[in-house]
C-alpha atoms as a PDB file:
ATOM      1  CA  MET A   1     108.177 103.996  93.132  1.00  0.00           C
ATOM      2  CA  ASN A   2     110.362 105.643  90.796  1.00  0.00           C
ATOM      3  CA  GLN A   3     111.430 104.217  87.519  1.00  0.00           C
ATOM      4  CA  GLN A   4     115.230 103.682  88.428  1.00  0.00           C
ATOM      5  CA  LYS A   5     114.569 101.776  91.716  1.00  0.00           C
ATOM      6  CA  ARG A   6     111.935  99.577  89.733  1.00  0.00           C
ATOM      7  CA  LYS A   7     114.516  98.805  87.214  1.00  0.00           C
ATOM      8  CA  ILE A   8     117.024  97.862  89.806  1.00  0.00           C
ATOM      9  CA  LEU A   9     114.525  95.685  91.726  1.00  0.00           C
ATOM     10  CA  ASP A  10     113.767  94.113  88.206  1.00  0.00           C
ATOM     11  CA  ILE A  11     117.354  93.341  87.519  1.00  0.00           C
ATOM     12  CA  VAL A  12     117.948  91.735  91.225  1.00  0.00           C
ATOM     13  CA  ALA A  13     114.662  89.589  90.636  1.00  0.00           C
ATOM     14  CA  ASN A  14     115.753  88.389  87.289  1.00  0.00           C
ATOM     15  CA  VAL A  15     119.556  87.536  88.633  1.00  0.00           C
ATOM     16  CA  GLY A  16     117.894  85.765  91.629  1.00  0.00           C
ATOM     17  CA  MET A  17     115.692  83.763  89.346  1.00  0.00           C
ATOM     18  CA  ALA A  18     118.282  82.708  87.018  1.00  0.00           C
ATOM     19  CA  ILE A  19     120.865  81.674  89.912  1.00  0.00           C
ATOM     20  CA  PHE A  20     118.534  79.765  91.967  1.00  0.00           C
ATOM     21  CA  ASP A  21     116.555  78.154  89.158  1.00  0.00           C
ATOM     22  CA  ILE A  22     119.696  76.891  87.359  1.00  0.00           C
ATOM     23  CA  LEU A  23     120.787  75.610  90.747  1.00  0.00           C
ATOM     24  CA  ALA A  24     117.433  74.009  91.285  1.00  0.00           C
ATOM     25  CA  ILE A  25     117.534  72.174  87.982  1.00  0.00           C
ATOM     26  CA  LEU A  26     121.055  71.050  88.153  1.00  0.00           C
ATOM     27  CA  LEU A  27     120.382  69.610  91.711  1.00  0.00           C
ATOM     28  CA  VAL A  28     117.251  68.043  91.085  1.00  0.00           C
ATOM     29  CA  SER A  29     118.631  66.371  87.993  1.00  0.00           C
ATOM     30  CA  PHE A  30     121.337  64.848  90.227  1.00  0.00           C
ATOM     31  CA  LYS A  31     118.614  63.714  92.630  1.00  0.00           C
ATOM     32  CA  SER A  32     119.723  66.057  95.441  1.00  0.00           C
ATOM     33  CA  PRO A  33     116.865  67.041  97.777  1.00  0.00           C
ATOM     34  CA  TRP A  34     118.535  70.394  98.011  1.00  0.00           C
ATOM     35  CA  GLY A  35     117.236  71.158  94.623  1.00  0.00           C
ATOM     36  CA  PHE A  36     113.790  71.641  96.107  1.00  0.00           C
ATOM     37  CA  VAL A  37     115.399  74.075  98.572  1.00  0.00           C
ATOM     38  CA  ALA A  38     116.856  76.075  95.858  1.00  0.00           C
ATOM     39  CA  GLY A  39     113.679  76.055  93.765  1.00  0.00           C
ATOM     40  CA  LEU A  40     111.888  77.378  96.880  1.00  0.00           C
ATOM     41  CA  CYS A  41     114.510  80.127  97.172  1.00  0.00           C
ATOM     42  CA  SER A  42     113.964  81.276  93.819  1.00  0.00           C
ATOM     43  CA  GLN A  43     110.147  81.818  94.319  1.00  0.00           C
ATOM     44  CA  PRO A  44     110.372  85.280  96.019  1.00  0.00           C
ATOM     45  CA  PHE A  45     112.285  86.558  93.057  1.00  0.00           C
ATOM     46  CA  PHE A  46     109.483  85.214  90.802  1.00  0.00           C
ATOM     47  CA  PHE A  47     106.942  86.833  93.032  1.00  0.00           C
ATOM     48  CA  MET A  48     108.819  90.060  93.155  1.00  0.00           C
ATOM     49  CA  CYS A  49     109.100  90.125  89.062  1.00  0.00           C
ATOM     50  CA  SER A  50     105.510  89.316  88.681  1.00  0.00           C
ATOM     51  CA  ILE A  51     104.285  92.081  90.930  1.00  0.00           C
ATOM     52  CA  LEU A  52     106.675  94.686  89.676  1.00  0.00           C
ATOM     53  CA  ASN A  53     105.687  94.058  86.045  1.00  0.00           C
ATOM     54  CA  ARG A  54     101.885  93.441  87.153  1.00  0.00           C
ATOM     55  CA  GLN A  55     101.999  89.889  85.270  1.00  0.00           C
ATOM     56  CA  TRP A  56      99.147  88.397  87.320  1.00  0.00           C
ATOM     57  CA  GLY A  57      99.154  85.049  85.232  1.00  0.00           C
ATOM     58  CA  LEU A  58     102.590  84.551  86.216  1.00  0.00           C
ATOM     59  CA  PHE A  59     101.879  85.353  89.819  1.00  0.00           C
ATOM     60  CA  ILE A  60      99.204  82.694  89.908  1.00  0.00           C
ATOM     61  CA  LEU A  61     101.594  80.236  88.202  1.00  0.00           C
ATOM     62  CA  ASN A  62     104.074  81.033  90.906  1.00  0.00           C
ATOM     63  CA  ILE A  63     101.814  79.894  93.475  1.00  0.00           C
ATOM     64  CA  ILE A  64     101.488  76.548  91.812  1.00  0.00           C
ATOM     65  CA  TYR A  65     105.093  76.339  91.570  1.00  0.00           C
ATOM     66  CA  THR A  66     105.916  77.232  95.081  1.00  0.00           C
ATOM     67  CA  ILE A  67     103.405  74.490  96.185  1.00  0.00           C
ATOM     68  CA  SER A  68     105.110  71.911  93.971  1.00  0.00           C
ATOM     69  CA  TRP A  69     108.707  72.787  95.237  1.00  0.00           C
ATOM     70  CA  ALA A  70     107.355  72.568  98.823  1.00  0.00           C
ATOM     71  CA  ILE A  71     105.707  69.083  98.243  1.00  0.00           C
ATOM     72  CA  GLY A  72     108.937  67.953  96.706  1.00  0.00           C
ATOM     73  CA  ALA A  73     111.053  69.161  99.656  1.00  0.00           C
ATOM     74  CA  TYR A  74     108.650  67.808 102.201  1.00  0.00           C
ATOM     75  CA  HIS A  75     108.710  64.328 100.442  1.00  0.00           C
ATOM     76  CA  TRP A  76     112.428  64.296 100.494  1.00  0.00           C
ATOM     77  CA  PHE A  77     113.087  65.697 103.951  1.00  0.00           C
ATOM     78  CA  ALA A  78     110.126  64.434 105.879  1.00  0.00           C
ATOM     79  CA  GLY A  79     108.878  61.526 103.912  1.00  0.00           C
END
């Protein structure tokens, strides 16, 4: 992958993370179950960023975050 394409993907990942995580935090703070959905929507951007930058610790942390968001969504919607 060339450097310019990688830089664009990194910018997209960072913007996606910011938008969905800010939304997730705000919605969860207002006790809205949709905050967990927004949190789940942010995870692909975190995975993309961690893979592009070869940050394997962050990649493992993302797995834990994804599981946590999914558990929260499950409890709100199915529980």
